[in-house]
PDB file of N, CA and C in Angstrom:
ATOM      1  N   UNK A   1      80.854 102.299  77.307  1.00  0.00           N
ATOM      2  CA  UNK A   1      80.141 103.139  78.252  1.00  0.00           C
ATOM      3  C   UNK A   1      81.163 103.849  79.157  1.00  0.00           C
ATOM      4  N   UNK A   2      80.946 105.108  79.389  1.00  0.00           N
ATOM      5  CA  UNK A   2      81.823 105.920  80.234  1.00  0.00           C
ATOM      6  C   UNK A   2      81.364 105.816  81.695  1.00  0.00           C
ATOM      7  N   UNK A   3      82.244 105.347  82.592  1.00  0.00           N
ATOM      8  CA  UNK A   3      81.854 105.295  84.010  1.00  0.00           C
ATOM      9  C   UNK A   3      81.725 106.707  84.578  1.00  0.00           C
ATOM     10  N   UNK A   4      80.721 106.891  85.409  1.00  0.00           N
ATOM     11  CA  UNK A   4      80.464 108.209  85.988  1.00  0.00           C
ATOM     12  C   UNK A   4      80.603 108.132  87.499  1.00  0.00           C
ATOM     13  N   UNK A   5      81.335 109.091  88.052  1.00  0.00           N
ATOM     14  CA  UNK A   5      81.446 109.253  89.503  1.00  0.00           C
ATOM     15  C   UNK A   5      80.771 110.562  89.853  1.00  0.00           C
ATOM     16  N   UNK A   6      80.105 110.589  91.015  1.00  0.00           N
ATOM     17  CA  UNK A   6      79.419 111.804  91.433  1.00  0.00           C
ATOM     18  C   UNK A   6      79.851 112.169  92.837  1.00  0.00           C
ATOM     19  N   UNK A   7      80.149 113.439  93.043  1.00  0.00           N
ATOM     20  CA  UNK A   7      80.485 113.937  94.368  1.00  0.00           C
ATOM     21  C   UNK A   7      79.866 115.298  94.586  1.00  0.00           C
ATOM     22  N   UNK A   8      79.582 115.591  95.821  1.00  0.00           N
ATOM     23  CA  UNK A   8      79.017 116.889  96.179  1.00  0.00           C
ATOM     24  C   UNK A   8      77.653 116.733  96.809  1.00  0.00           C
ATOM     25  N   UNK A   9      77.561 117.080  98.068  1.00  0.00           N
ATOM     26  CA  UNK A   9      76.267 117.093  98.748  1.00  0.00           C
ATOM     27  C   UNK A   9      75.728 115.736  99.165  1.00  0.00           C
ATOM     28  N   UNK A  10      76.521 114.702  99.086  1.00  0.00           N
ATOM     29  CA  UNK A  10      76.052 113.372  99.504  1.00  0.00           C
ATOM     30  C   UNK A  10      76.169 113.302 101.024  1.00  0.00           C
ATOM     31  N   UNK A  11      75.040 113.242 101.677  1.00  0.00           N
ATOM     32  CA  UNK A  11      75.008 113.299 103.146  1.00  0.00           C
ATOM     33  C   UNK A  11      74.640 111.979 103.814  1.00  0.00           C
ATOM     34  N   UNK A  12      74.056 111.052 103.020  1.00  0.00           N
ATOM     35  CA  UNK A  12      73.605 109.811 103.640  1.00  0.00           C
ATOM     36  C   UNK A  12      73.554 108.675 102.628  1.00  0.00           C
ATOM     37  N   UNK A  13      73.307 107.488 103.136  1.00  0.00           N
ATOM     38  CA  UNK A  13      73.261 106.287 102.320  1.00  0.00           C
ATOM     39  C   UNK A  13      72.179 106.374 101.253  1.00  0.00           C
ATOM     40  N   UNK A  14      71.031 106.910 101.598  1.00  0.00           N
ATOM     41  CA  UNK A  14      69.922 106.982 100.630  1.00  0.00           C
ATOM     42  C   UNK A  14      70.310 107.797  99.406  1.00  0.00           C
ATOM     43  N   UNK A  15      70.977 108.916  99.609  1.00  0.00           N
ATOM     44  CA  UNK A  15      71.400 109.756  98.479  1.00  0.00           C
ATOM     45  C   UNK A  15      72.379 108.988  97.597  1.00  0.00           C
ATOM     46  N   UNK A  16      73.309 108.279  98.220  1.00  0.00           N
ATOM     47  CA  UNK A  16      74.293 107.500  97.456  1.00  0.00           C
ATOM     48  C   UNK A  16      73.613 106.378  96.683  1.00  0.00           C
ATOM     49  N   UNK A  17      72.691 105.674  97.323  1.00  0.00           N
ATOM     50  CA  UNK A  17      71.972 104.592  96.651  1.00  0.00           C
ATOM     51  C   UNK A  17      71.179 105.120  95.459  1.00  0.00           C
ATOM     52  N   UNK A  18      70.609 106.284  95.584  1.00  0.00           N
ATOM     53  CA  UNK A  18      69.843 106.883  94.487  1.00  0.00           C
ATOM     54  C   UNK A  18      70.767 107.213  93.314  1.00  0.00           C
ATOM     55  N   UNK A  19      71.954 107.721  93.606  1.00  0.00           N
ATOM     56  CA  UNK A  19      72.916 108.017  92.541  1.00  0.00           C
ATOM     57  C   UNK A  19      73.348 106.748  91.811  1.00  0.00           C
ATOM     58  N   UNK A  20      73.579 105.683  92.550  1.00  0.00           N
ATOM     59  CA  UNK A  20      73.947 104.403  91.944  1.00  0.00           C
ATOM     60  C   UNK A  20      72.777 103.889  91.103  1.00  0.00           C
ATOM     61  N   UNK A  21      71.575 103.988  91.628  1.00  0.00           N
ATOM     62  CA  UNK A  21      70.386 103.548  90.898  1.00  0.00           C
ATOM     63  C   UNK A  21      70.227 104.308  89.583  1.00  0.00           C
ATOM     64  N   UNK A  22      70.608 105.571  89.570  1.00  0.00           N
ATOM     65  CA  UNK A  22      70.488 106.405  88.371  1.00  0.00           C
ATOM     66  C   UNK A  22      71.648 106.231  87.390  1.00  0.00           C
ATOM     67  N   UNK A  23      72.610 105.384  87.737  1.00  0.00           N
ATOM     68  CA  UNK A  23      73.656 105.065  86.775  1.00  0.00           C
ATOM     69  C   UNK A  23      75.066 105.475  87.132  1.00  0.00           C
ATOM     70  N   UNK A  24      75.262 106.146  88.253  1.00  0.00           N
ATOM     71  CA  UNK A  24      76.625 106.484  88.660  1.00  0.00           C
ATOM     72  C   UNK A  24      77.323 105.208  89.126  1.00  0.00           C
ATOM     73  N   UNK A  25      78.575 105.078  88.760  1.00  0.00           N
ATOM     74  CA  UNK A  25      79.337 103.905  89.171  1.00  0.00           C
ATOM     75  C   UNK A  25      79.943 104.089  90.557  1.00  0.00           C
ATOM     76  N   UNK A  26      80.287 105.343  90.895  1.00  0.00           N
ATOM     77  CA  UNK A  26      80.947 105.632  92.165  1.00  0.00           C
ATOM     78  C   UNK A  26      80.373 106.908  92.780  1.00  0.00           C
ATOM     79  N   UNK A  27      80.433 106.974  94.105  1.00  0.00           N
ATOM     80  CA  UNK A  27      80.086 108.205  94.812  1.00  0.00           C
ATOM     81  C   UNK A  27      81.344 108.705  95.523  1.00  0.00           C
ATOM     82  N   UNK A  28      81.503 110.018  95.518  1.00  0.00           N
ATOM     83  CA  UNK A  28      82.695 110.648  96.078  1.00  0.00           C
ATOM     84  C   UNK A  28      82.281 111.477  97.289  1.00  0.00           C
ATOM     85  N   UNK A  29      82.879 111.176  98.422  1.00  0.00           N
ATOM     86  CA  UNK A  29      82.540 111.824  99.690  1.00  0.00           C
ATOM     87  C   UNK A  29      83.745 112.608 100.194  1.00  0.00           C
ATOM     88  N   UNK A  30      83.499 113.810 100.710  1.00  0.00           N
ATOM     89  CA  UNK A  30      84.573 114.592 101.317  1.00  0.00           C
ATOM     90  C   UNK A  30      84.080 115.141 102.657  1.00  0.00           C
ATOM     91  N   UNK A  31      83.380 116.237 102.643  1.00  0.00           N
ATOM     92  CA  UNK A  31      83.012 116.945 103.878  1.00  0.00           C
ATOM     93  C   UNK A  31      82.221 116.091 104.853  1.00  0.00           C
ATOM     94  N   UNK A  32      81.352 115.232 104.347  1.00  0.00           N
ATOM     95  CA  UNK A  32      80.477 114.451 105.230  1.00  0.00           C
ATOM     96  C   UNK A  32      81.257 113.513 106.143  1.00  0.00           C
ATOM     97  N   UNK A  33      82.447 113.080 105.744  1.00  0.00           N
ATOM     98  CA  UNK A  33      83.208 112.175 106.616  1.00  0.00           C
ATOM     99  C   UNK A  33      83.628 112.864 107.907  1.00  0.00           C
ATOM    100  N   UNK A  34      83.694 114.188 107.902  1.00  0.00           N
ATOM    101  CA  UNK A  34      84.052 114.915 109.121  1.00  0.00           C
ATOM    102  C   UNK A  34      82.844 115.135 110.023  1.00  0.00           C
ATOM    103  N   UNK A  35      81.660 114.934 109.465  1.00  0.00           N
ATOM    104  CA  UNK A  35      80.435 115.000 110.263  1.00  0.00           C
ATOM    105  C   UNK A  35      80.073 113.608 110.794  1.00  0.00           C
ATOM    106  N   UNK A  36      80.334 112.575 109.949  1.00  0.00           N
ATOM    107  CA  UNK A  36      79.970 111.202 110.289  1.00  0.00           C
ATOM    108  C   UNK A  36      80.863 110.250 109.507  1.00  0.00           C
ATOM    109  N   UNK A  37      82.012 109.893 110.068  1.00  0.00           N
ATOM    110  CA  UNK A  37      82.936 109.032 109.335  1.00  0.00           C
ATOM    111  C   UNK A  37      82.374 107.636 109.110  1.00  0.00           C
ATOM    112  N   UNK A  38      81.365 107.255 109.890  1.00  0.00           N
ATOM    113  CA  UNK A  38      80.715 105.953 109.721  1.00  0.00           C
ATOM    114  C   UNK A  38      80.035 105.799 108.375  1.00  0.00           C
ATOM    115  N   UNK A  39      79.797 106.912 107.697  1.00  0.00           N
ATOM    116  CA  UNK A  39      79.159 106.827 106.376  1.00  0.00           C
ATOM    117  C   UNK A  39      80.018 106.015 105.409  1.00  0.00           C
ATOM    118  N   UNK A  40      81.331 106.045 105.563  1.00  0.00           N
ATOM    119  CA  UNK A  40      82.204 105.300 104.661  1.00  0.00           C
ATOM    120  C   UNK A  40      81.994 103.802 104.839  1.00  0.00           C
ATOM    121  N   UNK A  41      81.932 103.352 106.057  1.00  0.00           N
ATOM    122  CA  UNK A  41      81.676 101.932 106.315  1.00  0.00           C
ATOM    123  C   UNK A  41      80.297 101.542 105.796  1.00  0.00           C
ATOM    124  N   UNK A  42      79.327 102.378 106.050  1.00  0.00           N
ATOM    125  CA  UNK A  42      77.955 102.118 105.610  1.00  0.00           C
ATOM    126  C   UNK A  42      77.879 102.025 104.082  1.00  0.00           C
ATOM    127  N   UNK A  43      78.539 102.955 103.411  1.00  0.00           N
ATOM    128  CA  UNK A  43      78.541 102.940 101.950  1.00  0.00           C
ATOM    129  C   UNK A  43      79.250 101.708 101.406  1.00  0.00           C
ATOM    130  N   UNK A  44      80.432 101.414 101.927  1.00  0.00           N
ATOM    131  CA  UNK A  44      81.203 100.292 101.386  1.00  0.00           C
ATOM    132  C   UNK A  44      80.480  98.968 101.608  1.00  0.00           C
ATOM    133  N   UNK A  45      79.781  98.843 102.723  1.00  0.00           N
ATOM    134  CA  UNK A  45      79.039  97.607 102.990  1.00  0.00           C
ATOM    135  C   UNK A  45      77.787  97.492 102.121  1.00  0.00           C
ATOM    136  N   UNK A  46      77.235  98.627 101.690  1.00  0.00           N
ATOM    137  CA  UNK A  46      75.979  98.611 100.938  1.00  0.00           C
ATOM    138  C   UNK A  46      76.183  98.676  99.430  1.00  0.00           C
ATOM    139  N   UNK A  47      77.003  99.614  98.962  1.00  0.00           N
ATOM    140  CA  UNK A  47      77.201  99.758  97.518  1.00  0.00           C
ATOM    141  C   UNK A  47      78.548  99.186  97.071  1.00  0.00           C
ATOM    142  N   UNK A  48      79.382  98.794  98.021  1.00  0.00           N
ATOM    143  CA  UNK A  48      80.680  98.200  97.715  1.00  0.00           C
ATOM    144  C   UNK A  48      81.813  99.202  97.821  1.00  0.00           C
ATOM    145  N   UNK A  49      82.962  98.718  98.248  1.00  0.00           N
ATOM    146  CA  UNK A  49      84.115  99.610  98.381  1.00  0.00           C
ATOM    147  C   UNK A  49      84.574 100.122  97.021  1.00  0.00           C
ATOM    148  N   UNK A  50      84.349  99.332  95.959  1.00  0.00           N
ATOM    149  CA  UNK A  50      84.747  99.764  94.619  1.00  0.00           C
ATOM    150  C   UNK A  50      83.969 100.996  94.165  1.00  0.00           C
ATOM    151  N   UNK A  51      82.843 101.274  94.818  1.00  0.00           N
ATOM    152  CA  UNK A  51      82.019 102.432  94.469  1.00  0.00           C
ATOM    153  C   UNK A  51      82.116 103.553  95.498  1.00  0.00           C
ATOM    154  N   UNK A  52      82.939 103.370  96.520  1.00  0.00           N
ATOM    155  CA  UNK A  52      83.080 104.345  97.599  1.00  0.00           C
ATOM    156  C   UNK A  52      84.430 105.045  97.481  1.00  0.00           C
ATOM    157  N   UNK A  53      84.387 106.323  97.135  1.00  0.00           N
ATOM    158  CA  UNK A  53      85.595 107.119  96.931  1.00  0.00           C
ATOM    159  C   UNK A  53      85.623 108.246  97.964  1.00  0.00           C
ATOM    160  N   UNK A  54      86.745 108.415  98.627  1.00  0.00           N
ATOM    161  CA  UNK A  54      86.904 109.537  99.553  1.00  0.00           C
ATOM    162  C   UNK A  54      87.816 110.565  98.902  1.00  0.00           C
ATOM    163  N   UNK A  55      87.320 111.783  98.814  1.00  0.00           N
ATOM    164  CA  UNK A  55      88.101 112.897  98.299  1.00  0.00           C
ATOM    165  C   UNK A  55      88.802 113.578  99.471  1.00  0.00           C
ATOM    166  N   UNK A  56      90.100 113.824  99.310  1.00  0.00           N
ATOM    167  CA  UNK A  56      90.878 114.502 100.349  1.00  0.00           C
ATOM    168  C   UNK A  56      91.480 115.763  99.747  1.00  0.00           C
ATOM    169  N   UNK A  57      91.056 116.908 100.262  1.00  0.00           N
ATOM    170  CA  UNK A  57      91.591 118.199  99.831  1.00  0.00           C
ATOM    171  C   UNK A  57      92.733 118.585 100.757  1.00  0.00           C
ATOM    172  N   UNK A  58      93.883 118.892 100.169  1.00  0.00           N
ATOM    173  CA  UNK A  58      95.083 119.179 100.949  1.00  0.00           C
ATOM    174  C   UNK A  58      95.673 120.517 100.518  1.00  0.00           C
ATOM    175  N   UNK A  59      96.094 121.277 101.521  1.00  0.00           N
ATOM    176  CA  UNK A  59      96.744 122.559 101.272  1.00  0.00           C
ATOM    177  C   UNK A  59      98.080 122.566 102.012  1.00  0.00           C
ATOM    178  N   UNK A  60      99.065 123.229 101.418  1.00  0.00           N
ATOM    179  CA  UNK A  60     100.389 123.326 102.027  1.00  0.00           C
ATOM    180  C   UNK A  60     100.517 124.646 102.777  1.00  0.00           C
ATOM    181  N   UNK A  61     101.035 124.582 104.008  1.00  0.00           N
ATOM    182  CA  UNK A  61     101.236 125.799 104.807  1.00  0.00           C
ATOM    183  C   UNK A  61     102.488 126.526 104.335  1.00  0.00           C
ATOM    184  N   UNK A  62     102.710 127.704 104.870  1.00  0.00           N
ATOM    185  CA  UNK A  62     103.916 128.467 104.545  1.00  0.00           C
ATOM    186  C   UNK A  62     105.194 127.712 104.908  1.00  0.00           C
ATOM    187  N   UNK A  63     105.066 126.822 105.878  1.00  0.00           N
ATOM    188  CA  UNK A  63     106.223 126.064 106.347  1.00  0.00           C
ATOM    189  C   UNK A  63     106.348 124.701 105.679  1.00  0.00           C
ATOM    190  N   UNK A  64     105.522 124.462 104.649  1.00  0.00           N
ATOM    191  CA  UNK A  64     105.609 123.227 103.882  1.00  0.00           C
ATOM    192  C   UNK A  64     104.888 122.035 104.466  1.00  0.00           C
ATOM    193  N   UNK A  65     104.085 122.231 105.513  1.00  0.00           N
ATOM    194  CA  UNK A  65     103.326 121.133 106.104  1.00  0.00           C
ATOM    195  C   UNK A  65     101.982 121.009 105.385  1.00  0.00           C
ATOM    196  N   UNK A  66     101.540 119.760 105.241  1.00  0.00           N
ATOM    197  CA  UNK A  66     100.260 119.502 104.594  1.00  0.00           C
ATOM    198  C   UNK A  66      99.133 119.495 105.619  1.00  0.00           C
ATOM    199  N   UNK A  67      97.993 120.070 105.236  1.00  0.00           N
ATOM    200  CA  UNK A  67      96.810 120.083 106.092  1.00  0.00           C
ATOM    201  C   UNK A  67      95.595 119.669 105.269  1.00  0.00           C
ATOM    202  N   UNK A  68      94.699 118.928 105.902  1.00  0.00           N
ATOM    203  CA  UNK A  68      93.467 118.471 105.265  1.00  0.00           C
ATOM    204  C   UNK A  68      92.379 119.514 105.494  1.00  0.00           C
ATOM    205  N   UNK A  69      91.646 119.812 104.433  1.00  0.00           N
ATOM    206  CA  UNK A  69      90.545 120.772 104.486  1.00  0.00           C
ATOM    207  C   UNK A  69      89.271 120.105 103.983  1.00  0.00           C
ATOM    208  N   UNK A  70      88.144 120.678 104.369  1.00  0.00           N
ATOM    209  CA  UNK A  70      86.847 120.222 103.855  1.00  0.00           C
ATOM    210  C   UNK A  70      85.943 121.441 103.688  1.00  0.00           C
ATOM    211  N   UNK A  71      84.706 121.165 103.321  1.00  0.00           N
ATOM    212  CA  UNK A  71      83.703 122.214 103.155  1.00  0.00           C
ATOM    213  C   UNK A  71      84.225 123.325 102.237  1.00  0.00           C
ATOM    214  N   UNK A  72      84.612 122.916 101.024  1.00  0.00           N
ATOM    215  CA  UNK A  72      85.124 123.846 100.002  1.00  0.00           C
ATOM    216  C   UNK A  72      86.324 124.642 100.500  1.00  0.00           C
ATOM    217  N   UNK A  73      87.217 123.961 101.182  1.00  0.00           N
ATOM    218  CA  UNK A  73      88.472 124.522 101.717  1.00  0.00           C
ATOM    219  C   UNK A  73      88.248 125.601 102.766  1.00  0.00           C
ATOM    220  N   UNK A  74      87.104 125.563 103.441  1.00  0.00           N
ATOM    221  CA  UNK A  74      86.837 126.534 104.507  1.00  0.00           C
ATOM    222  C   UNK A  74      87.151 125.992 105.901  1.00  0.00           C
ATOM    223  N   UNK A  75      87.222 124.658 106.042  1.00  0.00           N
ATOM    224  CA  UNK A  75      87.489 124.067 107.353  1.00  0.00           C
ATOM    225  C   UNK A  75      88.784 123.254 107.325  1.00  0.00           C
ATOM    226  N   UNK A  76      89.685 123.629 108.217  1.00  0.00           N
ATOM    227  CA  UNK A  76      90.959 122.917 108.355  1.00  0.00           C
ATOM    228  C   UNK A  76      90.805 121.875 109.460  1.00  0.00           C
ATOM    229  N   UNK A  77      91.389 120.694 109.241  1.00  0.00           N
ATOM    230  CA  UNK A  77      91.269 119.613 110.210  1.00  0.00           C
ATOM    231  C   UNK A  77      92.638 119.241 110.768  1.00  0.00           C
ATOM    232  N   UNK A  78      92.642 118.787 111.998  1.00  0.00           N
ATOM    233  CA  UNK A  78      93.883 118.428 112.677  1.00  0.00           C
ATOM    234  C   UNK A  78      94.193 116.948 112.462  1.00  0.00           C
ATOM    235  N   UNK A  79      94.323 116.588 111.203  1.00  0.00           N
ATOM    236  CA  UNK A  79      94.686 115.228 110.828  1.00  0.00           C
ATOM    237  C   UNK A  79      95.598 115.337 109.611  1.00  0.00           C
ATOM    238  N   UNK A  80      96.614 114.507 109.579  1.00  0.00           N
ATOM    239  CA  UNK A  80      97.510 114.541 108.413  1.00  0.00           C
ATOM    240  C   UNK A  80      96.808 113.862 107.237  1.00  0.00           C
ATOM    241  N   UNK A  81      97.169 114.241 106.027  1.00  0.00           N
ATOM    242  CA  UNK A  81      96.577 113.572 104.866  1.00  0.00           C
ATOM    243  C   UNK A  81      96.811 112.060 104.875  1.00  0.00           C
ATOM    244  N   UNK A  82      97.998 111.635 105.305  1.00  0.00           N
ATOM    245  CA  UNK A  82      98.306 110.202 105.350  1.00  0.00           C
ATOM    246  C   UNK A  82      97.418 109.497 106.366  1.00  0.00           C
ATOM    247  N   UNK A  83      97.320 110.035 107.566  1.00  0.00           N
ATOM    248  CA  UNK A  83      96.477 109.422 108.598  1.00  0.00           C
ATOM    249  C   UNK A  83      95.015 109.392 108.166  1.00  0.00           C
ATOM    250  N   UNK A  84      94.564 110.457 107.537  1.00  0.00           N
ATOM    251  CA  UNK A  84      93.173 110.515 107.073  1.00  0.00           C
ATOM    252  C   UNK A  84      92.923 109.458 105.995  1.00  0.00           C
ATOM    253  N   UNK A  85      93.833 109.342 105.036  1.00  0.00           N
ATOM    254  CA  UNK A  85      93.677 108.343 103.977  1.00  0.00           C
ATOM    255  C   UNK A  85      93.658 106.936 104.567  1.00  0.00           C
ATOM    256  N   UNK A  86      94.559 106.672 105.495  1.00  0.00           N
ATOM    257  CA  UNK A  86      94.617 105.352 106.117  1.00  0.00           C
ATOM    258  C   UNK A  86      93.316 105.031 106.855  1.00  0.00           C
ATOM    259  N   UNK A  87      92.790 106.014 107.563  1.00  0.00           N
ATOM    260  CA  UNK A  87      91.532 105.796 108.299  1.00  0.00           C
ATOM    261  C   UNK A  87      90.373 105.534 107.338  1.00  0.00           C
ATOM    262  N   UNK A  88      90.320 106.274 106.245  1.00  0.00           N
ATOM    263  CA  UNK A  88      89.228 106.103 105.295  1.00  0.00           C
ATOM    264  C   UNK A  88      89.282 104.729 104.628  1.00  0.00           C
ATOM    265  N   UNK A  89      90.474 104.248 104.310  1.00  0.00           N
ATOM    266  CA  UNK A  89      90.628 102.916 103.731  1.00  0.00           C
ATOM    267  C   UNK A  89      90.254 101.863 104.770  1.00  0.00           C
ATOM    268  N   UNK A  90      90.648 102.081 106.010  1.00  0.00           N
ATOM    269  CA  UNK A  90      90.291 101.169 107.104  1.00  0.00           C
ATOM    270  C   UNK A  90      88.770 101.040 107.232  1.00  0.00           C
ATOM    271  N   UNK A  91      88.058 102.140 106.990  1.00  0.00           N
ATOM    272  CA  UNK A  91      86.597 102.136 107.085  1.00  0.00           C
ATOM    273  C   UNK A  91      85.930 101.537 105.847  1.00  0.00           C
ATOM    274  N   UNK A  92      86.684 101.386 104.746  1.00  0.00           N
ATOM    275  CA  UNK A  92      86.113 100.738 103.573  1.00  0.00           C
ATOM    276  C   UNK A  92      86.201 101.497 102.264  1.00  0.00           C
ATOM    277  N   UNK A  93      86.837 102.658 102.254  1.00  0.00           N
ATOM    278  CA  UNK A  93      86.982 103.389 100.991  1.00  0.00           C
ATOM    279  C   UNK A  93      87.786 102.549 100.008  1.00  0.00           C
ATOM    280  N   UNK A  94      87.302 102.464  98.781  1.00  0.00           N
ATOM    281  CA  UNK A  94      87.985 101.690  97.758  1.00  0.00           C
ATOM    282  C   UNK A  94      88.909 102.517  96.898  1.00  0.00           C
ATOM    283  N   UNK A  95      88.785 103.834  97.000  1.00  0.00           N
ATOM    284  CA  UNK A  95      89.655 104.748  96.256  1.00  0.00           C
ATOM    285  C   UNK A  95      89.820 106.032  97.048  1.00  0.00           C
ATOM    286  N   UNK A  96      90.956 106.688  96.808  1.00  0.00           N
ATOM    287  CA  UNK A  96      91.211 108.017  97.363  1.00  0.00           C
ATOM    288  C   UNK A  96      91.346 108.970  96.186  1.00  0.00           C
ATOM    289  N   UNK A  97      90.586 110.042  96.230  1.00  0.00           N
ATOM    290  CA  UNK A  97      90.697 111.106  95.229  1.00  0.00           C
ATOM    291  C   UNK A  97      91.442 112.230  95.931  1.00  0.00           C
ATOM    292  N   UNK A  98      92.687 112.442  95.559  1.00  0.00           N
ATOM    293  CA  UNK A  98      93.564 113.387  96.230  1.00  0.00           C
ATOM    294  C   UNK A  98      93.617 114.693  95.454  1.00  0.00           C
ATOM    295  N   UNK A  99      93.319 115.785  96.124  1.00  0.00           N
ATOM    296  CA  UNK A  99      93.306 117.096  95.483  1.00  0.00           C
ATOM    297  C   UNK A  99      94.216 118.064  96.217  1.00  0.00           C
ATOM    298  N   UNK A 100      95.193 118.609  95.513  1.00  0.00           N
ATOM    299  CA  UNK A 100      96.042 119.654  96.069  1.00  0.00           C
ATOM    300  C   UNK A 100      95.352 120.988  95.811  1.00  0.00           C
ATOM    301  N   UNK A 101      94.877 121.610  96.851  1.00  0.00           N
ATOM    302  CA  UNK A 101      94.201 122.902  96.722  1.00  0.00           C
ATOM    303  C   UNK A 101      95.137 123.927  96.091  1.00  0.00           C
ATOM    304  N   UNK A 102      96.406 123.873  96.463  1.00  0.00           N
ATOM    305  CA  UNK A 102      97.393 124.831  95.948  1.00  0.00           C
ATOM    306  C   UNK A 102      97.585 124.724  94.438  1.00  0.00           C
ATOM    307  N   UNK A 103      97.487 123.520  93.900  1.00  0.00           N
ATOM    308  CA  UNK A 103      97.772 123.329  92.484  1.00  0.00           C
ATOM    309  C   UNK A 103      96.526 123.133  91.629  1.00  0.00           C
ATOM    310  N   UNK A 104      95.375 123.063  92.254  1.00  0.00           N
ATOM    311  CA  UNK A 104      94.130 122.853  91.522  1.00  0.00           C
ATOM    312  C   UNK A 104      93.902 123.984  90.516  1.00  0.00           C
ATOM    313  N   UNK A 105      93.778 123.617  89.255  1.00  0.00           N
ATOM    314  CA  UNK A 105      93.506 124.596  88.210  1.00  0.00           C
ATOM    315  C   UNK A 105      94.698 125.388  87.718  1.00  0.00           C
ATOM    316  N   UNK A 106      95.911 125.040  88.148  1.00  0.00           N
ATOM    317  CA  UNK A 106      97.097 125.822  87.769  1.00  0.00           C
ATOM    318  C   UNK A 106      97.821 125.269  86.553  1.00  0.00           C
ATOM    319  N   UNK A 107      97.482 124.069  86.131  1.00  0.00           N
ATOM    320  CA  UNK A 107      98.153 123.392  85.024  1.00  0.00           C
ATOM    321  C   UNK A 107      99.614 123.086  85.346  1.00  0.00           C
ATOM    322  N   UNK A 108      99.963 122.991  86.619  1.00  0.00           N
ATOM    323  CA  UNK A 108     101.335 122.688  87.027  1.00  0.00           C
ATOM    324  C   UNK A 108     101.550 121.202  87.280  1.00  0.00           C
ATOM    325  N   UNK A 109     100.532 120.410  87.080  1.00  0.00           N
ATOM    326  CA  UNK A 109     100.662 118.973  87.309  1.00  0.00           C
ATOM    327  C   UNK A 109     100.308 118.584  88.730  1.00  0.00           C
ATOM    328  N   UNK A 110     100.652 117.373  89.078  1.00  0.00           N
ATOM    329  CA  UNK A 110     100.309 116.817  90.379  1.00  0.00           C
ATOM    330  C   UNK A 110     101.313 117.232  91.449  1.00  0.00           C
ATOM    331  N   UNK A 111     100.869 117.217  92.668  1.00  0.00           N
ATOM    332  CA  UNK A 111     101.738 117.412  93.826  1.00  0.00           C
ATOM    333  C   UNK A 111     102.338 116.037  94.110  1.00  0.00           C
ATOM    334  N   UNK A 112     103.424 115.701  93.416  1.00  0.00           N
ATOM    335  CA  UNK A 112     103.965 114.347  93.422  1.00  0.00           C
ATOM    336  C   UNK A 112     104.422 113.861  94.794  1.00  0.00           C
ATOM    337  N   UNK A 113     104.978 114.731  95.604  1.00  0.00           N
ATOM    338  CA  UNK A 113     105.404 114.336  96.954  1.00  0.00           C
ATOM    339  C   UNK A 113     104.195 113.861  97.761  1.00  0.00           C
ATOM    340  N   UNK A 114     103.108 114.591  97.665  1.00  0.00           N
ATOM    341  CA  UNK A 114     101.883 114.234  98.383  1.00  0.00           C
ATOM    342  C   UNK A 114     101.316 112.915  97.852  1.00  0.00           C
ATOM    343  N   UNK A 115     101.270 112.764  96.544  1.00  0.00           N
ATOM    344  CA  UNK A 115     100.775 111.529  95.935  1.00  0.00           C
ATOM    345  C   UNK A 115     101.610 110.342  96.400  1.00  0.00           C
ATOM    346  N   UNK A 116     102.914 110.502  96.425  1.00  0.00           N
ATOM    347  CA  UNK A 116     103.805 109.430  96.862  1.00  0.00           C
ATOM    348  C   UNK A 116     103.559 109.061  98.328  1.00  0.00           C
ATOM    349  N   UNK A 117     103.394 110.066  99.168  1.00  0.00           N
ATOM    350  CA  UNK A 117     103.140 109.812 100.593  1.00  0.00           C
ATOM    351  C   UNK A 117     101.873 108.970 100.791  1.00  0.00           C
ATOM    352  N   UNK A 118     100.809 109.353 100.105  1.00  0.00           N
ATOM    353  CA  UNK A 118      99.532 108.648 100.247  1.00  0.00           C
ATOM    354  C   UNK A 118      99.648 107.263  99.616  1.00  0.00           C
ATOM    355  N   UNK A 119     100.245 107.169  98.445  1.00  0.00           N
ATOM    356  CA  UNK A 119     100.382 105.880  97.753  1.00  0.00           C
ATOM    357  C   UNK A 119     101.155 104.860  98.571  1.00  0.00           C
ATOM    358  N   UNK A 120     102.155 105.319  99.296  1.00  0.00           N
ATOM    359  CA  UNK A 120     102.946 104.413 100.130  1.00  0.00           C
ATOM    360  C   UNK A 120     102.188 103.965 101.372  1.00  0.00           C
ATOM    361  N   UNK A 121     101.189 104.751 101.776  1.00  0.00           N
ATOM    362  CA  UNK A 121     100.475 104.469 103.019  1.00  0.00           C
ATOM    363  C   UNK A 121      99.244 103.584 102.832  1.00  0.00           C
ATOM    364  N   UNK A 122      98.628 103.621 101.652  1.00  0.00           N
ATOM    365  CA  UNK A 122      97.401 102.858 101.429  1.00  0.00           C
ATOM    366  C   UNK A 122      97.547 101.971 100.195  1.00  0.00           C
ATOM    367  N   UNK A 123      96.738 100.940 100.150  1.00  0.00           N
ATOM    368  CA  UNK A 123      96.840  99.968  99.055  1.00  0.00           C
ATOM    369  C   UNK A 123      95.769 100.155  97.982  1.00  0.00           C
ATOM    370  N   UNK A 124      94.958 101.186  98.102  1.00  0.00           N
ATOM    371  CA  UNK A 124      93.899 101.414  97.121  1.00  0.00           C
ATOM    372  C   UNK A 124      94.342 102.490  96.135  1.00  0.00           C
ATOM    373  N   UNK A 125      93.749 102.507  94.950  1.00  0.00           N
ATOM    374  CA  UNK A 125      94.127 103.561  93.986  1.00  0.00           C
ATOM    375  C   UNK A 125      93.734 104.942  94.472  1.00  0.00           C
TER     376      UNK A 125
END
């Protein structure tokens, strides 16, 4: 059986529970954590941290600094990717889904420096 993760438009616990009930193994949250970061704790306590994934979209500035974005890369946040990942794991996220906006869809591979930074900061995959 192929495990399925679902992300996009999950705003509350009920929506996540419904996705799990319908067969998704994991739910992926991004923008909603900036509206209500408590959703991560609520999800991990209810459906388990192994099923709670936080997606972090990161873009590099002209000066090489990383910035976290949400809402389809329309909103920039004043938090570093490392600090954001650490906070999400502290709240109960069992996985981090890291996306480099700059390299998404380019076939250039992963943003290895960014992956290394996050991997060194948190203990979850």
